[in-house]
mmCIF file of all heavy atoms, coordinates in Angstrom:
data_MODEL
# 
_entry.id   MODEL 
# 
loop_
_atom_site.group_PDB 
_atom_site.id 
_atom_site.type_symbol 
_atom_site.label_atom_id 
_atom_site.label_alt_id 
_atom_site.label_comp_id 
_atom_site.label_asym_id 
_atom_site.label_entity_id 
_atom_site.label_seq_id 
_atom_site.pdbx_PDB_ins_code 
_atom_site.Cartn_x 
_atom_site.Cartn_y 
_atom_site.Cartn_z 
_atom_site.occupancy 
_atom_site.B_iso_or_equiv 
_atom_site.pdbx_formal_charge 
_atom_site.auth_seq_id 
_atom_site.auth_comp_id 
_atom_site.auth_asym_id 
_atom_site.auth_atom_id 
_atom_site.pdbx_PDB_model_num 
ATOM 1   N N   . PRO A 1 1  ? 0.334  16.540  2.051   1.00 0.00 ? 1  PRO A N   1 
ATOM 2   C CA  . PRO A 1 1  ? -0.108 16.681  3.442   1.00 0.00 ? 1  PRO A CA  1 
ATOM 3   C C   . PRO A 1 1  ? 1.055  16.475  4.402   1.00 0.00 ? 1  PRO A C   1 
ATOM 4   O O   . PRO A 1 1  ? 2.002  15.768  4.109   1.00 0.00 ? 1  PRO A O   1 
ATOM 5   C CB  . PRO A 1 1  ? -1.159 15.581  3.600   1.00 0.00 ? 1  PRO A CB  1 
ATOM 6   C CG  . PRO A 1 1  ? -0.853 14.584  2.531   1.00 0.00 ? 1  PRO A CG  1 
ATOM 7   C CD  . PRO A 1 1  ? -0.213 15.347  1.410   1.00 0.00 ? 1  PRO A CD  1 
ATOM 8   N N   . GLU A 1 2  ? 0.947  17.126  5.539   1.00 0.00 ? 2  GLU A N   1 
ATOM 9   C CA  . GLU A 1 2  ? 1.963  16.974  6.587   1.00 0.00 ? 2  GLU A CA  1 
ATOM 10  C C   . GLU A 1 2  ? 1.377  16.130  7.702   1.00 0.00 ? 2  GLU A C   1 
ATOM 11  O O   . GLU A 1 2  ? 0.186  16.214  7.986   1.00 0.00 ? 2  GLU A O   1 
ATOM 12  C CB  . GLU A 1 2  ? 2.378  18.345  7.117   1.00 0.00 ? 2  GLU A CB  1 
ATOM 13  C CG  . GLU A 1 2  ? 3.147  19.178  6.135   1.00 0.00 ? 2  GLU A CG  1 
ATOM 14  C CD  . GLU A 1 2  ? 4.498  18.598  5.759   1.00 0.00 ? 2  GLU A CD  1 
ATOM 15  O OE1 . GLU A 1 2  ? 5.110  17.910  6.579   1.00 0.00 ? 2  GLU A OE1 1 
ATOM 16  O OE2 . GLU A 1 2  ? 4.928  18.842  4.624   1.00 0.00 ? 2  GLU A OE2 1 
ATOM 17  N N   . PRO A 1 3  ? 2.095  15.340  8.374   1.00 0.00 ? 3  PRO A N   1 
ATOM 18  C CA  . PRO A 1 3  ? 3.474  14.935  8.149   1.00 0.00 ? 3  PRO A CA  1 
ATOM 19  C C   . PRO A 1 3  ? 3.543  13.996  6.943   1.00 0.00 ? 3  PRO A C   1 
ATOM 20  O O   . PRO A 1 3  ? 2.898  12.958  6.906   1.00 0.00 ? 3  PRO A O   1 
ATOM 21  C CB  . PRO A 1 3  ? 3.866  14.227  9.443   1.00 0.00 ? 3  PRO A CB  1 
ATOM 22  C CG  . PRO A 1 3  ? 2.590  13.688  9.994   1.00 0.00 ? 3  PRO A CG  1 
ATOM 23  C CD  . PRO A 1 3  ? 1.514  14.648  9.550   1.00 0.00 ? 3  PRO A CD  1 
ATOM 24  N N   . TRP A 1 4  ? 4.320  14.370  5.979   1.00 0.00 ? 4  TRP A N   1 
ATOM 25  C CA  . TRP A 1 4  ? 4.317  13.663  4.701   1.00 0.00 ? 4  TRP A CA  1 
ATOM 26  C C   . TRP A 1 4  ? 4.878  12.253  4.797   1.00 0.00 ? 4  TRP A C   1 
ATOM 27  O O   . TRP A 1 4  ? 4.439  11.367  4.088   1.00 0.00 ? 4  TRP A O   1 
ATOM 28  C CB  . TRP A 1 4  ? 5.056  14.456  3.630   1.00 0.00 ? 4  TRP A CB  1 
ATOM 29  C CG  . TRP A 1 4  ? 6.526  14.599  3.857   1.00 0.00 ? 4  TRP A CG  1 
ATOM 30  C CD1 . TRP A 1 4  ? 7.164  15.581  4.539   1.00 0.00 ? 4  TRP A CD1 1 
ATOM 31  C CD2 . TRP A 1 4  ? 7.528  13.697  3.415   1.00 0.00 ? 4  TRP A CD2 1 
ATOM 32  N NE1 . TRP A 1 4  ? 8.510  15.358  4.552   1.00 0.00 ? 4  TRP A NE1 1 
ATOM 33  C CE2 . TRP A 1 4  ? 8.769  14.194  3.858   1.00 0.00 ? 4  TRP A CE2 1 
ATOM 34  C CE3 . TRP A 1 4  ? 7.524  12.516  2.681   1.00 0.00 ? 4  TRP A CE3 1 
ATOM 35  C CZ2 . TRP A 1 4  ? 9.967  13.554  3.600   1.00 0.00 ? 4  TRP A CZ2 1 
ATOM 36  C CZ3 . TRP A 1 4  ? 8.709  11.891  2.439   1.00 0.00 ? 4  TRP A CZ3 1 
ATOM 37  C CH2 . TRP A 1 4  ? 9.922  12.416  2.892   1.00 0.00 ? 4  TRP A CH2 1 
ATOM 38  N N   . ALA A 1 5  ? 5.808  12.004  5.693   1.00 0.00 ? 5  ALA A N   1 
ATOM 39  C CA  . ALA A 1 5  ? 6.400  10.657  5.808   1.00 0.00 ? 5  ALA A CA  1 
ATOM 40  C C   . ALA A 1 5  ? 5.358  9.634   6.262   1.00 0.00 ? 5  ALA A C   1 
ATOM 41  O O   . ALA A 1 5  ? 5.308  8.510   5.760   1.00 0.00 ? 5  ALA A O   1 
ATOM 42  C CB  . ALA A 1 5  ? 7.576  10.673  6.766   1.00 0.00 ? 5  ALA A CB  1 
ATOM 43  N N   . VAL A 1 6  ? 4.502  10.037  7.192   1.00 0.00 ? 6  VAL A N   1 
ATOM 44  C CA  . VAL A 1 6  ? 3.456  9.132   7.674   1.00 0.00 ? 6  VAL A CA  1 
ATOM 45  C C   . VAL A 1 6  ? 2.457  8.834   6.559   1.00 0.00 ? 6  VAL A C   1 
ATOM 46  O O   . VAL A 1 6  ? 2.073  7.686   6.343   1.00 0.00 ? 6  VAL A O   1 
ATOM 47  C CB  . VAL A 1 6  ? 2.748  9.729   8.910   1.00 0.00 ? 6  VAL A CB  1 
ATOM 48  C CG1 . VAL A 1 6  ? 1.560  8.902   9.312   1.00 0.00 ? 6  VAL A CG1 1 
ATOM 49  C CG2 . VAL A 1 6  ? 3.731  9.877   10.054  1.00 0.00 ? 6  VAL A CG2 1 
ATOM 50  N N   . HIS A 1 7  ? 2.059  9.870   5.834   1.00 0.00 ? 7  HIS A N   1 
ATOM 51  C CA  . HIS A 1 7  ? 1.125  9.667   4.716   1.00 0.00 ? 7  HIS A CA  1 
ATOM 52  C C   . HIS A 1 7  ? 1.741  8.800   3.623   1.00 0.00 ? 7  HIS A C   1 
ATOM 53  O O   . HIS A 1 7  ? 1.068  7.973   3.025   1.00 0.00 ? 7  HIS A O   1 
ATOM 54  C CB  . HIS A 1 7  ? 0.687  11.017  4.142   1.00 0.00 ? 7  HIS A CB  1 
ATOM 55  C CG  . HIS A 1 7  ? -0.223 11.770  5.044   1.00 0.00 ? 7  HIS A CG  1 
ATOM 56  N ND1 . HIS A 1 7  ? -1.558 11.459  5.172   1.00 0.00 ? 7  HIS A ND1 1 
ATOM 57  C CD2 . HIS A 1 7  ? 0.004  12.805  5.887   1.00 0.00 ? 7  HIS A CD2 1 
ATOM 58  C CE1 . HIS A 1 7  ? -2.117 12.272  6.031   1.00 0.00 ? 7  HIS A CE1 1 
ATOM 59  N NE2 . HIS A 1 7  ? -1.184 13.113  6.493   1.00 0.00 ? 7  HIS A NE2 1 
ATOM 60  N N   . LEU A 1 8  ? 3.015  9.005   3.370   1.00 0.00 ? 8  LEU A N   1 
ATOM 61  C CA  . LEU A 1 8  ? 3.712  8.203   2.368   1.00 0.00 ? 8  LEU A CA  1 
ATOM 62  C C   . LEU A 1 8  ? 3.732  6.728   2.772   1.00 0.00 ? 8  LEU A C   1 
ATOM 63  O O   . LEU A 1 8  ? 3.453  5.842   1.950   1.00 0.00 ? 8  LEU A O   1 
ATOM 64  C CB  . LEU A 1 8  ? 5.143  8.716   2.171   1.00 0.00 ? 8  LEU A CB  1 
ATOM 65  C CG  . LEU A 1 8  ? 5.998  7.962   1.158   1.00 0.00 ? 8  LEU A CG  1 
ATOM 66  C CD1 . LEU A 1 8  ? 5.415  8.107   -0.235  1.00 0.00 ? 8  LEU A CD1 1 
ATOM 67  C CD2 . LEU A 1 8  ? 7.415  8.470   1.191   1.00 0.00 ? 8  LEU A CD2 1 
ATOM 68  N N   . MET A 1 9  ? 4.039  6.447   4.044   1.00 0.00 ? 9  MET A N   1 
ATOM 69  C CA  . MET A 1 9  ? 4.064  5.063   4.500   1.00 0.00 ? 9  MET A CA  1 
ATOM 70  C C   . MET A 1 9  ? 2.670  4.436   4.446   1.00 0.00 ? 9  MET A C   1 
ATOM 71  O O   . MET A 1 9  ? 2.533  3.264   4.069   1.00 0.00 ? 9  MET A O   1 
ATOM 72  C CB  . MET A 1 9  ? 4.633  4.971   5.912   1.00 0.00 ? 9  MET A CB  1 
ATOM 73  C CG  . MET A 1 9  ? 6.140  5.116   5.950   1.00 0.00 ? 9  MET A CG  1 
ATOM 74  S SD  . MET A 1 9  ? 6.861  4.676   7.538   1.00 0.00 ? 9  MET A SD  1 
ATOM 75  C CE  . MET A 1 9  ? 6.385  6.068   8.539   1.00 0.00 ? 9  MET A CE  1 
ATOM 76  N N   . ARG A 1 10 ? 1.640  5.193   4.808   1.00 0.00 ? 10 ARG A N   1 
ATOM 77  C CA  . ARG A 1 10 ? 0.282  4.648   4.752   1.00 0.00 ? 10 ARG A CA  1 
ATOM 78  C C   . ARG A 1 10 ? -0.133 4.351   3.316   1.00 0.00 ? 10 ARG A C   1 
ATOM 79  O O   . ARG A 1 10 ? -0.738 3.313   3.044   1.00 0.00 ? 10 ARG A O   1 
ATOM 80  C CB  . ARG A 1 10 ? -0.699 5.632   5.382   1.00 0.00 ? 10 ARG A CB  1 
ATOM 81  C CG  . ARG A 1 10 ? -0.615 5.667   6.870   1.00 0.00 ? 10 ARG A CG  1 
ATOM 82  C CD  . ARG A 1 10 ? -1.633 6.594   7.450   1.00 0.00 ? 10 ARG A CD  1 
ATOM 83  N NE  . ARG A 1 10 ? -1.458 6.687   8.891   1.00 0.00 ? 10 ARG A NE  1 
ATOM 84  C CZ  . ARG A 1 10 ? -1.801 7.720   9.623   1.00 0.00 ? 10 ARG A CZ  1 
ATOM 85  N NH1 . ARG A 1 10 ? -2.358 8.772   9.055   1.00 0.00 ? 10 ARG A NH1 1 
ATOM 86  N NH2 . ARG A 1 10 ? -1.605 7.713   10.920  1.00 0.00 ? 10 ARG A NH2 1 
ATOM 87  N N   . ARG A 1 11 ? 0.195  5.245   2.409   1.00 0.00 ? 11 ARG A N   1 
ATOM 88  C CA  . ARG A 1 11 ? -0.169 5.032   0.998   1.00 0.00 ? 11 ARG A CA  1 
ATOM 89  C C   . ARG A 1 11 ? 0.630  3.879   0.402   1.00 0.00 ? 11 ARG A C   1 
ATOM 90  O O   . ARG A 1 11 ? 0.091  3.086   -0.371  1.00 0.00 ? 11 ARG A O   1 
ATOM 91  C CB  . ARG A 1 11 ? 0.050  6.305   0.203   1.00 0.00 ? 11 ARG A CB  1 
ATOM 92  C CG  . ARG A 1 11 ? -0.943 7.385   0.572   1.00 0.00 ? 11 ARG A CG  1 
ATOM 93  C CD  . ARG A 1 11 ? -0.691 8.660   -0.163  1.00 0.00 ? 11 ARG A CD  1 
ATOM 94  N NE  . ARG A 1 11 ? -1.632 9.695   0.273   1.00 0.00 ? 11 ARG A NE  1 
ATOM 95  C CZ  . ARG A 1 11 ? -1.748 10.858  -0.305  1.00 0.00 ? 11 ARG A CZ  1 
ATOM 96  N NH1 . ARG A 1 11 ? -0.979 11.183  -1.331  1.00 0.00 ? 11 ARG A NH1 1 
ATOM 97  N NH2 . ARG A 1 11 ? -2.622 11.736  0.132   1.00 0.00 ? 11 ARG A NH2 1 
ATOM 98  N N   . ALA A 1 12 ? 1.881  3.767   0.771   1.00 0.00 ? 12 ALA A N   1 
ATOM 99  C CA  . ALA A 1 12 ? 2.701  2.647   0.290   1.00 0.00 ? 12 ALA A CA  1 
ATOM 100 C C   . ALA A 1 12 ? 2.197  1.324   0.868   1.00 0.00 ? 12 ALA A C   1 
ATOM 101 O O   . ALA A 1 12 ? 2.190  0.295   0.174   1.00 0.00 ? 12 ALA A O   1 
ATOM 102 C CB  . ALA A 1 12 ? 4.165  2.863   0.636   1.00 0.00 ? 12 ALA A CB  1 
ATOM 103 N N   . ALA A 1 13 ? 1.752  1.346   2.115   1.00 0.00 ? 13 ALA A N   1 
ATOM 104 C CA  . ALA A 1 13 ? 1.189  0.137   2.730   1.00 0.00 ? 13 ALA A CA  1 
ATOM 105 C C   . ALA A 1 13 ? -0.078 -0.288  1.996   1.00 0.00 ? 13 ALA A C   1 
ATOM 106 O O   . ALA A 1 13 ? -0.281 -1.486  1.734   1.00 0.00 ? 13 ALA A O   1 
ATOM 107 C CB  . ALA A 1 13 ? 0.895  0.385   4.205   1.00 0.00 ? 13 ALA A CB  1 
ATOM 108 N N   . ALA A 1 14 ? -0.915 0.671   1.644   1.00 0.00 ? 14 ALA A N   1 
ATOM 109 C CA  . ALA A 1 14 ? -2.135 0.338   0.906   1.00 0.00 ? 14 ALA A CA  1 
ATOM 110 C C   . ALA A 1 14 ? -1.797 -0.229  -0.476  1.00 0.00 ? 14 ALA A C   1 
ATOM 111 O O   . ALA A 1 14 ? -2.403 -1.215  -0.917  1.00 0.00 ? 14 ALA A O   1 
ATOM 112 C CB  . ALA A 1 14 ? -3.014 1.578   0.758   1.00 0.00 ? 14 ALA A CB  1 
ATOM 113 N N   . GLY A 1 15 ? -0.812 0.358   -1.137  1.00 0.00 ? 15 GLY A N   1 
ATOM 114 C CA  . GLY A 1 15 ? -0.398 -0.146  -2.440  1.00 0.00 ? 15 GLY A CA  1 
ATOM 115 C C   . GLY A 1 15 ? 0.147  -1.561  -2.361  1.00 0.00 ? 15 GLY A C   1 
ATOM 116 O O   . GLY A 1 15 ? -0.176 -2.422  -3.191  1.00 0.00 ? 15 GLY A O   1 
ATOM 117 N N   . ALA A 1 16 ? 0.976  -1.829  -1.349  1.00 0.00 ? 16 ALA A N   1 
ATOM 118 C CA  . ALA A 1 16 ? 1.537  -3.163  -1.178  1.00 0.00 ? 16 ALA A CA  1 
ATOM 119 C C   . ALA A 1 16 ? 0.446  -4.184  -0.829  1.00 0.00 ? 16 ALA A C   1 
ATOM 120 O O   . ALA A 1 16 ? 0.472  -5.312  -1.311  1.00 0.00 ? 16 ALA A O   1 
ATOM 121 C CB  . ALA A 1 16 ? 2.611  -3.145  -0.098  1.00 0.00 ? 16 ALA A CB  1 
ATOM 122 N N   . ALA A 1 17 ? -0.519 -3.773  -0.027  1.00 0.00 ? 17 ALA A N   1 
ATOM 123 C CA  . ALA A 1 17 ? -1.611 -4.685  0.334   1.00 0.00 ? 17 ALA A CA  1 
ATOM 124 C C   . ALA A 1 17 ? -2.460 -5.031  -0.886  1.00 0.00 ? 17 ALA A C   1 
ATOM 125 O O   . ALA A 1 17 ? -2.827 -6.189  -1.087  1.00 0.00 ? 17 ALA A O   1 
ATOM 126 C CB  . ALA A 1 17 ? -2.475 -4.055  1.427   1.00 0.00 ? 17 ALA A CB  1 
ATOM 127 N N   . TRP A 1 18 ? -2.783 -4.038  -1.700  1.00 0.00 ? 18 TRP A N   1 
ATOM 128 C CA  . TRP A 1 18 ? -3.559 -4.300  -2.918  1.00 0.00 ? 18 TRP A CA  1 
ATOM 129 C C   . TRP A 1 18 ? -2.772 -5.173  -3.883  1.00 0.00 ? 18 TRP A C   1 
ATOM 130 O O   . TRP A 1 18 ? -3.337 -6.071  -4.519  1.00 0.00 ? 18 TRP A O   1 
ATOM 131 C CB  . TRP A 1 18 ? -3.959 -3.001  -3.591  1.00 0.00 ? 18 TRP A CB  1 
ATOM 132 C CG  . TRP A 1 18 ? -5.156 -2.357  -2.985  1.00 0.00 ? 18 TRP A CG  1 
ATOM 133 C CD1 . TRP A 1 18 ? -5.196 -1.227  -2.230  1.00 0.00 ? 18 TRP A CD1 1 
ATOM 134 C CD2 . TRP A 1 18 ? -6.517 -2.808  -3.070  1.00 0.00 ? 18 TRP A CD2 1 
ATOM 135 N NE1 . TRP A 1 18 ? -6.474 -0.948  -1.831  1.00 0.00 ? 18 TRP A NE1 1 
ATOM 136 C CE2 . TRP A 1 18 ? -7.308 -1.904  -2.342  1.00 0.00 ? 18 TRP A CE2 1 
ATOM 137 C CE3 . TRP A 1 18 ? -7.128 -3.890  -3.677  1.00 0.00 ? 18 TRP A CE3 1 
ATOM 138 C CZ2 . TRP A 1 18 ? -8.692 -2.053  -2.217  1.00 0.00 ? 18 TRP A CZ2 1 
ATOM 139 C CZ3 . TRP A 1 18 ? -8.506 -4.039  -3.552  1.00 0.00 ? 18 TRP A CZ3 1 
ATOM 140 C CH2 . TRP A 1 18 ? -9.268 -3.125  -2.828  1.00 0.00 ? 18 TRP A CH2 1 
ATOM 141 N N   . ALA A 1 19 ? -1.491 -4.933  -4.018  1.00 0.00 ? 19 ALA A N   1 
ATOM 142 C CA  . ALA A 1 19 ? -0.665 -5.753  -4.913  1.00 0.00 ? 19 ALA A CA  1 
ATOM 143 C C   . ALA A 1 19 ? -0.575 -7.190  -4.396  1.00 0.00 ? 19 ALA A C   1 
ATOM 144 O O   . ALA A 1 19 ? -0.606 -8.140  -5.189  1.00 0.00 ? 19 ALA A O   1 
ATOM 145 C CB  . ALA A 1 19 ? 0.722  -5.138  -5.059  1.00 0.00 ? 19 ALA A CB  1 
ATOM 146 N N   . ALA A 1 20 ? -0.467 -7.370  -3.086  1.00 0.00 ? 20 ALA A N   1 
ATOM 147 C CA  . ALA A 1 20 ? -0.454 -8.715  -2.508  1.00 0.00 ? 20 ALA A CA  1 
ATOM 148 C C   . ALA A 1 20 ? -1.773 -9.428  -2.784  1.00 0.00 ? 20 ALA A C   1 
ATOM 149 O O   . ALA A 1 20 ? -1.790 -10.612 -3.132  1.00 0.00 ? 20 ALA A O   1 
ATOM 150 C CB  . ALA A 1 20 ? -0.203 -8.646  -1.001  1.00 0.00 ? 20 ALA A CB  1 
ATOM 151 N N   . ALA A 1 21 ? -2.866 -8.706  -2.645  1.00 0.00 ? 21 ALA A N   1 
ATOM 152 C CA  . ALA A 1 21 ? -4.175 -9.303  -2.929  1.00 0.00 ? 21 ALA A CA  1 
ATOM 153 C C   . ALA A 1 21 ? -4.304 -9.680  -4.397  1.00 0.00 ? 21 ALA A C   1 
ATOM 154 O O   . ALA A 1 21 ? -4.878 -10.719 -4.731  1.00 0.00 ? 21 ALA A O   1 
ATOM 155 C CB  . ALA A 1 21 ? -5.290 -8.326  -2.528  1.00 0.00 ? 21 ALA A CB  1 
ATOM 156 N N   . ALA A 1 22 ? -3.764 -8.864  -5.290  1.00 0.00 ? 22 ALA A N   1 
ATOM 157 C CA  . ALA A 1 22 ? -3.821 -9.175  -6.727  1.00 0.00 ? 22 ALA A CA  1 
ATOM 158 C C   . ALA A 1 22 ? -3.017 -10.427 -7.047  1.00 0.00 ? 22 ALA A C   1 
ATOM 159 O O   . ALA A 1 22 ? -3.494 -11.315 -7.767  1.00 0.00 ? 22 ALA A O   1 
ATOM 160 C CB  . ALA A 1 22 ? -3.307 -7.989  -7.537  1.00 0.00 ? 22 ALA A CB  1 
ATOM 161 N N   . ALA A 1 23 ? -1.813 -10.536 -6.513  1.00 0.00 ? 23 ALA A N   1 
ATOM 162 C CA  . ALA A 1 23 ? -0.975 -11.705 -6.776  1.00 0.00 ? 23 ALA A CA  1 
ATOM 163 C C   . ALA A 1 23 ? -1.594 -12.967 -6.179  1.00 0.00 ? 23 ALA A C   1 
ATOM 164 O O   . ALA A 1 23 ? -1.629 -14.019 -6.818  1.00 0.00 ? 23 ALA A O   1 
ATOM 165 C CB  . ALA A 1 23 ? 0.428  -11.490 -6.214  1.00 0.00 ? 23 ALA A CB  1 
ATOM 166 N N   . TYR A 1 24 ? -2.112 -12.859 -4.960  1.00 0.00 ? 24 TYR A N   1 
ATOM 167 C CA  . TYR A 1 24 ? -2.721 -14.025 -4.318  1.00 0.00 ? 24 TYR A CA  1 
ATOM 168 C C   . TYR A 1 24 ? -3.987 -14.459 -5.041  1.00 0.00 ? 24 TYR A C   1 
ATOM 169 O O   . TYR A 1 24 ? -4.228 -15.651 -5.229  1.00 0.00 ? 24 TYR A O   1 
ATOM 170 C CB  . TYR A 1 24 ? -3.016 -13.748 -2.847  1.00 0.00 ? 24 TYR A CB  1 
ATOM 171 C CG  . TYR A 1 24 ? -3.604 -14.962 -2.161  1.00 0.00 ? 24 TYR A CG  1 
ATOM 172 C CD1 . TYR A 1 24 ? -2.769 -15.996 -1.758  1.00 0.00 ? 24 TYR A CD1 1 
ATOM 173 C CD2 . TYR A 1 24 ? -4.960 -15.092 -1.972  1.00 0.00 ? 24 TYR A CD2 1 
ATOM 174 C CE1 . TYR A 1 24 ? -3.290 -17.130 -1.170  1.00 0.00 ? 24 TYR A CE1 1 
ATOM 175 C CE2 . TYR A 1 24 ? -5.494 -16.226 -1.384  1.00 0.00 ? 24 TYR A CE2 1 
ATOM 176 C CZ  . TYR A 1 24 ? -4.661 -17.241 -0.982  1.00 0.00 ? 24 TYR A CZ  1 
ATOM 177 O OH  . TYR A 1 24 ? -5.168 -18.373 -0.403  1.00 0.00 ? 24 TYR A OH  1 
ATOM 178 N N   . SER A 1 25 ? -4.803 -13.509 -5.469  1.00 0.00 ? 25 SER A N   1 
ATOM 179 C CA  . SER A 1 25 ? -6.052 -13.891 -6.129  1.00 0.00 ? 25 SER A CA  1 
ATOM 180 C C   . SER A 1 25 ? -5.796 -14.570 -7.467  1.00 0.00 ? 25 SER A C   1 
ATOM 181 O O   . SER A 1 25 ? -6.550 -15.459 -7.859  1.00 0.00 ? 25 SER A O   1 
ATOM 182 C CB  . SER A 1 25 ? -6.969 -12.674 -6.299  1.00 0.00 ? 25 SER A CB  1 
ATOM 183 O OG  . SER A 1 25 ? -6.423 -11.743 -7.193  1.00 0.00 ? 25 SER A OG  1 
ATOM 184 N N   . LEU A 1 26 ? -4.726 -14.180 -8.164  1.00 0.00 ? 26 LEU A N   1 
ATOM 185 C CA  . LEU A 1 26 ? -4.365 -14.898 -9.391  1.00 0.00 ? 26 LEU A CA  1 
ATOM 186 C C   . LEU A 1 26 ? -4.112 -16.367 -9.101  1.00 0.00 ? 26 LEU A C   1 
ATOM 187 O O   . LEU A 1 26 ? -4.636 -17.251 -9.791  1.00 0.00 ? 26 LEU A O   1 
ATOM 188 C CB  . LEU A 1 26 ? -3.109 -14.288 -10.013 1.00 0.00 ? 26 LEU A CB  1 
ATOM 189 C CG  . LEU A 1 26 ? -3.277 -13.150 -10.995 1.00 0.00 ? 26 LEU A CG  1 
ATOM 190 C CD1 . LEU A 1 26 ? -1.907 -12.614 -11.398 1.00 0.00 ? 26 LEU A CD1 1 
ATOM 191 C CD2 . LEU A 1 26 ? -4.054 -13.566 -12.198 1.00 0.00 ? 26 LEU A CD2 1 
ATOM 192 N N   . GLY A 1 27 ? -3.318 -16.641 -8.089  1.00 0.00 ? 27 GLY A N   1 
ATOM 193 C CA  . GLY A 1 27 ? -3.012 -18.020 -7.731  1.00 0.00 ? 27 GLY A CA  1 
ATOM 194 C C   . GLY A 1 27 ? -4.197 -18.756 -7.153  1.00 0.00 ? 27 GLY A C   1 
ATOM 195 O O   . GLY A 1 27 ? -4.420 -19.934 -7.445  1.00 0.00 ? 27 GLY A O   1 
# 
């Protein structure tokens, strides 16, 4: 999808947020 940079940042933000939630929930 265009603009691809914006979509890439949004998807990367979602990935980082889910990974943060996974690490925090373990602890």
